[in-house]
């Protein structure tokens, strides 16, 4: 009974939090120093060219990690709140930063990618995001306009036109070595309608704001950091990596 009560409390807090975050998006848009359009031009951030120049190193390190796909968790195994849009093992994530916290073991494994990320101001989240052939991420919305989403294409199917992302009413495709910027508070979905895997370096950065908006967004992010939405992934990833270290030690 206690477990059921805790689950009900958790769901209630989660629903209330999402309603609050969606309600404040227009306030955030008014105080944003950059457009609040579905997609943003790559000139929005001056660090984009440097990140694109690092794409070769990021791809090499991803390829090395991908040699053991069984060691990479599915998204919902780390973040249970993603269970609606992540099923089976079709969407895997290899985390490097989670809400500003550096995942030391993974960053050591991917040191050049970690170095490229360290040069990005306002970095909040970063991970390799790997989508299986034929997988569809259903329409959903990100929790807060305090962040801007960035994808760096690392491994894109040859039939790139059949691997797409829709944000609001606009649909586009990834290109290897190129950055894509968008506002994930708009409804968006993804389809990999090919027989190849798609991999991107998935990044969230703080949205540039005026003084009022900056203080407001920092408060929003601090509130989020105190919830299970953030605490669960940090704990689950630590447990996952501890288990991997133990298994690898036994293999030696």
Protein backbone atom coordinates (compact mmCIF):
# COMPACT_ATOMS: atom_id res chain seq x y z
CA UNK A 1 0.00 0.00 0.00
CA UNK A 2 2.84 2.37 0.83
CA UNK A 3 4.47 1.59 -2.50
CA UNK A 4 1.22 2.33 -4.36
CA UNK A 5 0.84 5.61 -2.45
CA UNK A 6 4.38 6.65 -3.34
CA UNK A 7 3.75 5.84 -6.99
CA UNK A 8 0.56 7.91 -6.95
CA UNK A 9 2.41 10.82 -5.32
CA UNK A 10 5.17 10.55 -7.89
CA UNK A 11 2.73 10.58 -10.81
CA UNK A 12 0.85 13.53 -9.31
CA UNK A 13 4.03 15.57 -8.82
CA UNK A 14 5.19 14.68 -12.33
CA UNK A 15 1.89 15.74 -13.97
CA UNK A 16 1.75 18.98 -11.94
CA UNK A 17 5.35 19.78 -12.80
CA UNK A 18 4.76 19.27 -16.52
CA UNK A 19 1.69 21.51 -16.46
CA UNK A 20 3.68 24.24 -14.70
CA UNK A 21 6.61 24.00 -17.12
CA UNK A 22 4.34 24.12 -20.16
CA UNK A 23 2.44 27.09 -18.71
CA UNK A 24 5.57 29.24 -18.43
CA UNK A 25 6.91 28.71 -21.97
CA UNK A 26 5.45 31.98 -23.27
CA UNK A 27 6.99 33.92 -20.38
CA UNK A 28 10.34 32.35 -21.23
CA UNK A 29 9.89 33.20 -24.91
CA UNK A 30 9.36 36.89 -24.04
CA UNK A 31 12.66 37.01 -22.14
CA UNK A 32 14.67 34.92 -24.58
CA UNK A 33 17.58 36.58 -26.40
CA UNK A 34 17.26 34.11 -29.28
CA UNK A 35 14.25 33.06 -31.36
CA UNK A 36 11.71 30.64 -29.91
CA UNK A 37 11.05 29.07 -33.29
CA UNK A 38 10.94 25.28 -33.76
CA UNK A 39 14.37 25.21 -35.44
CA UNK A 40 17.19 27.69 -34.91
CA UNK A 41 19.95 28.73 -37.28
CA UNK A 42 23.39 27.35 -36.48
CA UNK A 43 24.72 30.91 -36.24
CA UNK A 44 22.70 31.25 -33.01
CA UNK A 45 25.69 29.93 -31.04
CA UNK A 46 29.32 30.74 -31.80
CA UNK A 47 30.50 27.35 -30.48
CA UNK A 48 28.73 25.40 -33.24
CA UNK A 49 31.60 25.49 -35.82
CA UNK A 50 34.09 24.23 -33.24
CA UNK A 51 31.78 21.38 -32.25
CA UNK A 52 31.29 20.43 -35.91
CA UNK A 53 35.07 20.43 -36.35
CA UNK A 54 35.25 17.90 -33.51
CA UNK A 55 32.69 15.58 -35.13
CA UNK A 56 35.32 13.21 -36.50
CA UNK A 57 36.77 12.57 -33.04
CA UNK A 58 33.27 12.24 -31.57
CA UNK A 59 32.36 9.70 -34.26
CA UNK A 60 35.53 7.66 -33.62
CA UNK A 61 34.80 7.49 -29.91
CA UNK A 62 31.18 6.63 -30.51
CA UNK A 63 32.21 3.80 -32.85
CA UNK A 64 34.49 2.41 -30.15
CA UNK A 65 31.72 2.52 -27.53
CA UNK A 66 29.28 0.94 -30.00
CA UNK A 67 31.44 -2.18 -30.29
CA UNK A 68 29.65 -3.34 -27.13
CA UNK A 69 26.02 -2.25 -27.65
CA UNK A 70 24.90 -4.54 -24.84
CA UNK A 71 26.78 -2.27 -22.41
CA UNK A 72 24.69 0.76 -23.44
CA UNK A 73 21.34 1.12 -21.63
CA UNK A 74 18.02 1.90 -23.23
CA UNK A 75 16.78 5.41 -22.50
CA UNK A 76 14.02 4.26 -20.16
CA UNK A 77 16.41 2.02 -18.22
CA UNK A 78 18.18 5.17 -17.07
CA UNK A 79 15.22 7.58 -17.13
CA UNK A 80 11.99 5.71 -16.28
CA UNK A 81 9.94 8.81 -17.16
CA UNK A 82 10.75 8.10 -20.81
CA UNK A 83 8.98 4.72 -20.84
CA UNK A 84 6.16 6.04 -23.05
CA UNK A 85 8.53 6.96 -25.88
CA UNK A 86 11.35 4.45 -25.29
CA UNK A 87 10.57 0.74 -25.53
CA UNK A 88 12.66 -2.41 -25.68
CA UNK A 89 16.27 -1.69 -26.64
CA UNK A 90 15.46 0.46 -29.67
CA UNK A 91 16.63 3.79 -28.21
CA UNK A 92 19.94 3.61 -26.38
CA UNK A 93 21.78 6.42 -24.62
CA UNK A 94 25.39 6.70 -23.49
CA UNK A 95 25.47 9.61 -21.07
CA UNK A 96 28.37 12.03 -20.65
CA UNK A 97 26.60 14.80 -18.70
CA UNK A 98 23.29 14.64 -16.84
CA UNK A 99 21.94 17.97 -15.62
CA UNK A 100 25.40 19.45 -15.34
CA UNK A 101 26.89 16.40 -13.61
CA UNK A 102 29.80 14.90 -15.51
CA UNK A 103 29.66 11.11 -15.84
CA UNK A 104 33.32 10.51 -15.07
CA UNK A 105 33.64 6.92 -16.27
CA UNK A 106 32.04 7.65 -19.64
CA UNK A 107 33.92 10.91 -20.13
CA UNK A 108 37.21 9.07 -19.55
CA UNK A 109 36.18 6.52 -22.18
CA UNK A 110 35.37 9.35 -24.62
CA UNK A 111 37.93 11.97 -23.65
CA UNK A 112 37.97 13.92 -26.92
CA UNK A 113 34.17 14.15 -27.00
CA UNK A 114 34.25 15.26 -23.36
CA UNK A 115 36.83 17.93 -24.21
CA UNK A 116 34.62 19.25 -27.02
CA UNK A 117 31.66 19.39 -24.65
CA UNK A 118 33.69 21.23 -22.01
CA UNK A 119 34.03 24.16 -24.43
CA UNK A 120 30.25 24.64 -24.72
CA UNK A 121 28.93 27.41 -22.41
CA UNK A 122 25.84 26.50 -20.40
CA UNK A 123 26.09 22.78 -21.09
CA UNK A 124 23.44 20.83 -19.15
CA UNK A 125 23.00 17.41 -20.78
CA UNK A 126 25.03 15.41 -23.28
CA UNK A 127 24.92 11.83 -24.48
CA UNK A 128 25.17 9.64 -27.53
CA UNK A 129 21.62 8.93 -28.68
CA UNK A 130 21.30 5.75 -30.77
CA UNK A 131 18.12 4.84 -32.64
CA UNK A 132 17.54 1.34 -33.99
CA UNK A 133 16.36 0.60 -37.52
CA UNK A 134 12.61 0.96 -37.96
CA UNK A 135 12.07 2.71 -34.64
CA UNK A 136 9.54 5.51 -34.20
CA UNK A 137 9.69 7.95 -31.28
CA UNK A 138 6.07 9.09 -30.91
CA UNK A 139 5.07 12.76 -30.67
CA UNK A 140 6.07 14.34 -27.36
CA UNK A 141 7.24 17.64 -25.88
CA UNK A 142 10.30 18.50 -23.81
CA UNK A 143 9.74 19.80 -20.28
CA UNK A 144 11.22 23.30 -20.38
CA UNK A 145 12.14 26.17 -22.68
CA UNK A 146 15.01 26.94 -20.31
CA UNK A 147 17.07 24.69 -22.59
CA UNK A 148 17.88 24.50 -26.30
CA UNK A 149 18.37 21.09 -27.91
CA UNK A 150 21.36 20.37 -30.14
CA UNK A 151 22.05 17.26 -32.23
CA UNK A 152 25.43 16.62 -33.86
CA UNK A 153 25.04 13.99 -36.56
CA UNK A 154 27.53 11.13 -36.04
CA UNK A 155 26.09 8.13 -37.86
CA UNK A 156 23.30 8.77 -40.35
CA UNK A 157 21.73 6.07 -42.56
CA UNK A 158 22.61 6.20 -46.24
CA UNK A 159 18.92 6.77 -46.96
CA UNK A 160 18.95 9.98 -44.93
CA UNK A 161 15.59 11.12 -46.29
CA UNK A 162 13.93 8.15 -44.57
CA UNK A 163 15.40 9.07 -41.20
CA UNK A 164 13.75 12.27 -40.04
CA UNK A 165 12.67 14.48 -37.17
CA UNK A 166 9.54 16.61 -37.13
CA UNK A 167 9.41 19.64 -34.82
CA UNK A 168 6.02 21.37 -34.83
CA UNK A 169 5.14 21.41 -38.54
CA UNK A 170 8.70 21.30 -39.89
CA UNK A 171 10.50 18.10 -40.86
CA UNK A 172 14.21 17.75 -41.53
CA UNK A 173 17.03 15.20 -41.65
CA UNK A 174 20.40 14.77 -39.99
CA UNK A 175 23.71 15.13 -41.78
CA UNK A 176 26.92 13.60 -40.47
CA UNK A 177 29.22 16.22 -38.99
CA UNK A 178 26.50 18.87 -38.90
CA UNK A 179 24.64 20.41 -35.98
CA UNK A 180 20.87 20.75 -35.73
CA UNK A 181 19.35 23.18 -33.19
CA UNK A 182 15.71 23.14 -32.11
CA UNK A 183 13.26 23.97 -29.34
CA UNK A 184 12.00 20.67 -27.97
CA UNK A 185 9.03 22.23 -26.13
CA UNK A 186 7.30 22.06 -29.51
CA UNK A 187 5.71 18.71 -30.25
CA UNK A 188 8.26 16.56 -32.04
CA UNK A 189 8.71 13.00 -33.24
CA UNK A 190 11.40 10.90 -34.91
CA UNK A 191 11.31 8.02 -37.38
CA UNK A 192 14.23 5.90 -38.52
CA UNK A 193 12.56 4.16 -41.44
CA UNK A 194 15.78 2.47 -42.60
CA UNK A 195 17.70 -0.73 -41.88
CA UNK A 196 20.63 1.16 -40.30
CA UNK A 197 21.27 2.67 -36.89
CA UNK A 198 21.21 6.44 -36.41
CA UNK A 199 23.48 8.07 -33.83
CA UNK A 200 23.77 11.71 -32.74
CA UNK A 201 25.55 13.56 -29.98
CA UNK A 202 22.52 14.87 -28.09
CA UNK A 203 23.14 18.10 -26.16
CA UNK A 204 21.07 20.50 -24.05
CA UNK A 205 22.37 23.99 -23.32
CA UNK A 206 20.93 26.84 -21.30
CA UNK A 207 18.85 29.22 -23.39
CA UNK A 208 20.37 32.73 -23.58
CA UNK A 209 18.01 35.07 -21.71
CA UNK A 210 17.79 38.65 -20.48
CA UNK A 211 18.52 39.25 -16.79
CA UNK A 212 14.98 38.46 -15.61
CA UNK A 213 14.74 35.35 -17.77
CA UNK A 214 18.18 34.11 -16.76
CA UNK A 215 17.36 34.21 -13.04
CA UNK A 216 13.95 32.66 -13.69
CA UNK A 217 15.36 29.80 -15.77
CA UNK A 218 18.10 29.06 -13.24
CA UNK A 219 15.39 28.77 -10.57
CA UNK A 220 13.38 26.42 -12.80
CA UNK A 221 16.41 24.20 -13.39
CA UNK A 222 17.22 24.11 -9.68
CA UNK A 223 13.66 22.98 -8.97
CA UNK A 224 13.96 20.26 -11.59
CA UNK A 225 17.23 19.04 -10.10
CA UNK A 226 15.39 18.25 -6.86
CA UNK A 227 12.87 15.94 -8.55
CA UNK A 228 12.93 12.26 -9.50
CA UNK A 229 13.02 13.40 -13.15
CA UNK A 230 16.70 14.27 -12.60
CA UNK A 231 17.64 12.20 -9.55
CA UNK A 232 16.53 8.86 -11.02
CA UNK A 233 18.75 9.02 -14.14
CA UNK A 234 21.80 10.04 -12.10
CA UNK A 235 21.27 7.18 -9.65
CA UNK A 236 20.36 4.59 -12.27
CA UNK A 237 23.35 5.42 -14.45
CA UNK A 238 25.72 5.15 -11.48
CA UNK A 239 24.28 1.72 -10.67
CA UNK A 240 24.53 0.65 -14.33
CA UNK A 241 28.20 1.69 -14.54
CA UNK A 242 29.02 0.03 -11.21
CA UNK A 243 27.56 -3.22 -12.53
CA UNK A 244 29.55 -2.92 -15.77
CA UNK A 245 32.79 -2.34 -13.86
CA UNK A 246 32.13 -5.47 -11.79
CA UNK A 247 31.36 -7.55 -14.88
CA UNK A 248 34.46 -6.34 -16.71
CA UNK A 249 36.62 -7.11 -13.67
CA UNK A 250 35.34 -10.68 -13.73
CA UNK A 251 36.18 -10.98 -17.43
CA UNK A 252 39.83 -10.21 -16.82
